[in-house]
Amino acid sequence: MSNVRNAQITGTFLGRDGHGIMTLYLTLSFDGFGCSYGGYSLDGYDKVTKKRVCSHLGMQSVCEILDTVGVDNWEGLRGQYVRVEFSCGAVTRIGHLIKDRWFSLKEFFSQEA
């Protein structure tokens, strides 16, 4: 069962996590509680160069989030209001507050398989 609520993006993270993996998170605040959305790897390990390199899908996911929310840059996300869909207690996708425009990281990255 899904549930849609309004939320404000109160924080953003785009960078390397504690394991050196490039990732992103949006901190979402609701009336009385908050959560994070993200955590997908935006890069992969290149055996030839022996370092992590960003993937096309990783960068495109950033663009899709910007387009969905309606901003031009990552810094512009903070303070924006969005629609958030929950299923089984987890955020499944985010959407524009007014327009019928939605984005799901899970669905997006499942294209890679």
Protein backbone atom coordinates (compact mmCIF):
# COMPACT_ATOMS: atom_id res chain seq x y z
CA MET A 1 0.00 0.00 0.00
CA SER A 2 1.42 3.37 -0.98
CA ASN A 3 0.99 6.70 0.74
CA VAL A 4 1.78 10.16 -0.70
CA ARG A 5 2.72 13.12 1.49
CA ASN A 6 4.23 16.56 1.09
CA ALA A 7 7.78 17.06 2.33
CA GLN A 8 10.52 19.67 2.33
CA ILE A 9 14.06 18.89 1.24
CA THR A 10 16.02 20.14 4.26
CA GLY A 11 19.40 18.65 3.41
CA THR A 12 21.36 17.23 0.50
CA PHE A 13 24.46 15.12 0.13
CA LEU A 14 26.33 14.43 -3.11
CA GLY A 15 29.73 12.89 -2.57
CA ARG A 16 31.63 9.85 -1.35
CA ASP A 17 30.31 7.84 1.59
CA GLY A 18 32.51 6.26 4.28
CA HIS A 19 33.52 3.47 1.88
CA GLY A 20 34.55 5.84 -0.94
CA ILE A 21 31.44 5.15 -3.03
CA MET A 22 29.91 8.15 -4.81
CA THR A 23 26.29 8.51 -3.72
CA LEU A 24 23.52 11.01 -3.05
CA TYR A 25 20.94 11.58 -0.33
CA LEU A 26 18.03 13.95 0.09
CA THR A 27 16.96 14.65 3.67
CA LEU A 28 13.18 15.00 3.71
CA SER A 29 11.22 16.62 6.54
CA PHE A 30 7.52 16.05 7.18
CA ASP A 31 5.25 17.22 9.94
CA GLY A 32 6.89 15.64 12.95
CA PHE A 33 9.46 13.34 11.34
CA GLY A 34 12.09 13.05 8.63
CA CYS A 35 13.96 10.53 6.53
CA SER A 36 16.61 10.23 3.83
CA TYR A 37 16.17 9.15 0.22
CA GLY A 38 19.09 7.87 -1.85
CA GLY A 39 22.09 5.71 -1.15
CA TYR A 40 22.54 4.26 -4.64
CA SER A 41 26.06 3.94 -6.05
CA LEU A 42 26.71 6.56 -8.71
CA ASP A 43 30.05 5.04 -9.68
CA GLY A 44 31.85 1.74 -10.11
CA TYR A 45 35.32 0.28 -9.71
CA ASP A 46 37.51 0.33 -12.83
CA LYS A 47 39.99 -2.56 -12.69
CA VAL A 48 42.26 -0.96 -15.30
CA THR A 49 42.73 2.38 -13.52
CA LYS A 50 42.23 0.81 -10.08
CA LYS A 51 39.91 3.58 -8.93
CA ARG A 52 36.22 4.37 -8.76
CA VAL A 53 34.77 6.21 -11.75
CA CYS A 54 31.36 7.82 -12.14
CA SER A 55 28.83 6.04 -14.33
CA HIS A 56 26.57 7.52 -16.98
CA LEU A 57 23.50 6.31 -15.06
CA GLY A 58 24.84 7.82 -11.85
CA MET A 59 25.18 11.25 -13.39
CA GLN A 60 21.86 10.93 -15.21
CA SER A 61 20.11 10.12 -11.92
CA VAL A 62 21.30 13.49 -10.57
CA CYS A 63 19.85 15.21 -13.66
CA GLU A 64 16.56 13.35 -13.26
CA ILE A 65 16.21 14.51 -9.64
CA LEU A 66 16.91 18.13 -10.64
CA ASP A 67 14.35 17.91 -13.48
CA THR A 68 11.72 16.28 -11.25
CA VAL A 69 12.00 18.91 -8.53
CA GLY A 70 12.35 21.75 -11.06
CA VAL A 71 15.72 23.25 -10.15
CA ASP A 72 18.90 23.83 -12.16
CA ASN A 73 21.56 22.82 -9.63
CA TRP A 74 22.10 20.53 -6.65
CA GLU A 75 22.31 23.42 -4.21
CA GLY A 76 18.87 24.57 -5.38
CA LEU A 77 17.24 21.41 -3.99
CA ARG A 78 17.51 22.50 -0.35
CA GLY A 79 14.32 24.21 0.78
CA GLN A 80 12.19 22.86 -2.08
CA TYR A 81 8.88 21.14 -1.39
CA VAL A 82 8.15 17.81 -3.05
CA ARG A 83 5.61 14.99 -3.05
CA VAL A 84 6.93 11.76 -1.57
CA GLU A 85 5.48 8.30 -2.09
CA PHE A 86 5.94 5.67 0.62
CA SER A 87 5.44 1.94 0.43
CA CYS A 88 6.06 -0.41 3.36
CA GLY A 89 7.59 2.46 5.37
CA ALA A 90 10.21 3.43 2.74
CA VAL A 91 10.31 6.29 0.25
CA THR A 92 9.75 4.77 -3.20
CA ARG A 93 9.78 7.92 -5.32
CA ILE A 94 9.73 11.71 -5.21
CA GLY A 95 7.58 14.05 -7.26
CA HIS A 96 7.14 17.68 -8.19
CA LEU A 97 4.82 19.47 -5.78
CA ILE A 98 2.45 20.75 -8.50
CA LYS A 99 3.22 18.97 -11.79
CA ASP A 100 2.60 15.27 -12.36
CA ARG A 101 6.33 14.52 -12.60
CA TRP A 102 7.80 11.63 -10.56
CA PHE A 103 11.18 9.90 -10.20
CA SER A 104 12.16 6.61 -8.58
CA LEU A 105 15.82 5.77 -7.97
CA LYS A 106 14.97 2.07 -7.67
CA GLU A 107 13.18 1.97 -11.02
CA PHE A 108 15.87 4.09 -12.67
CA PHE A 109 18.76 1.90 -11.55
CA SER A 110 16.89 -1.30 -12.37
CA GLN A 111 17.37 -0.29 -16.06
CA GLU A 112 21.05 -1.10 -15.61
CA ALA A 113 20.44 -4.83 -15.08
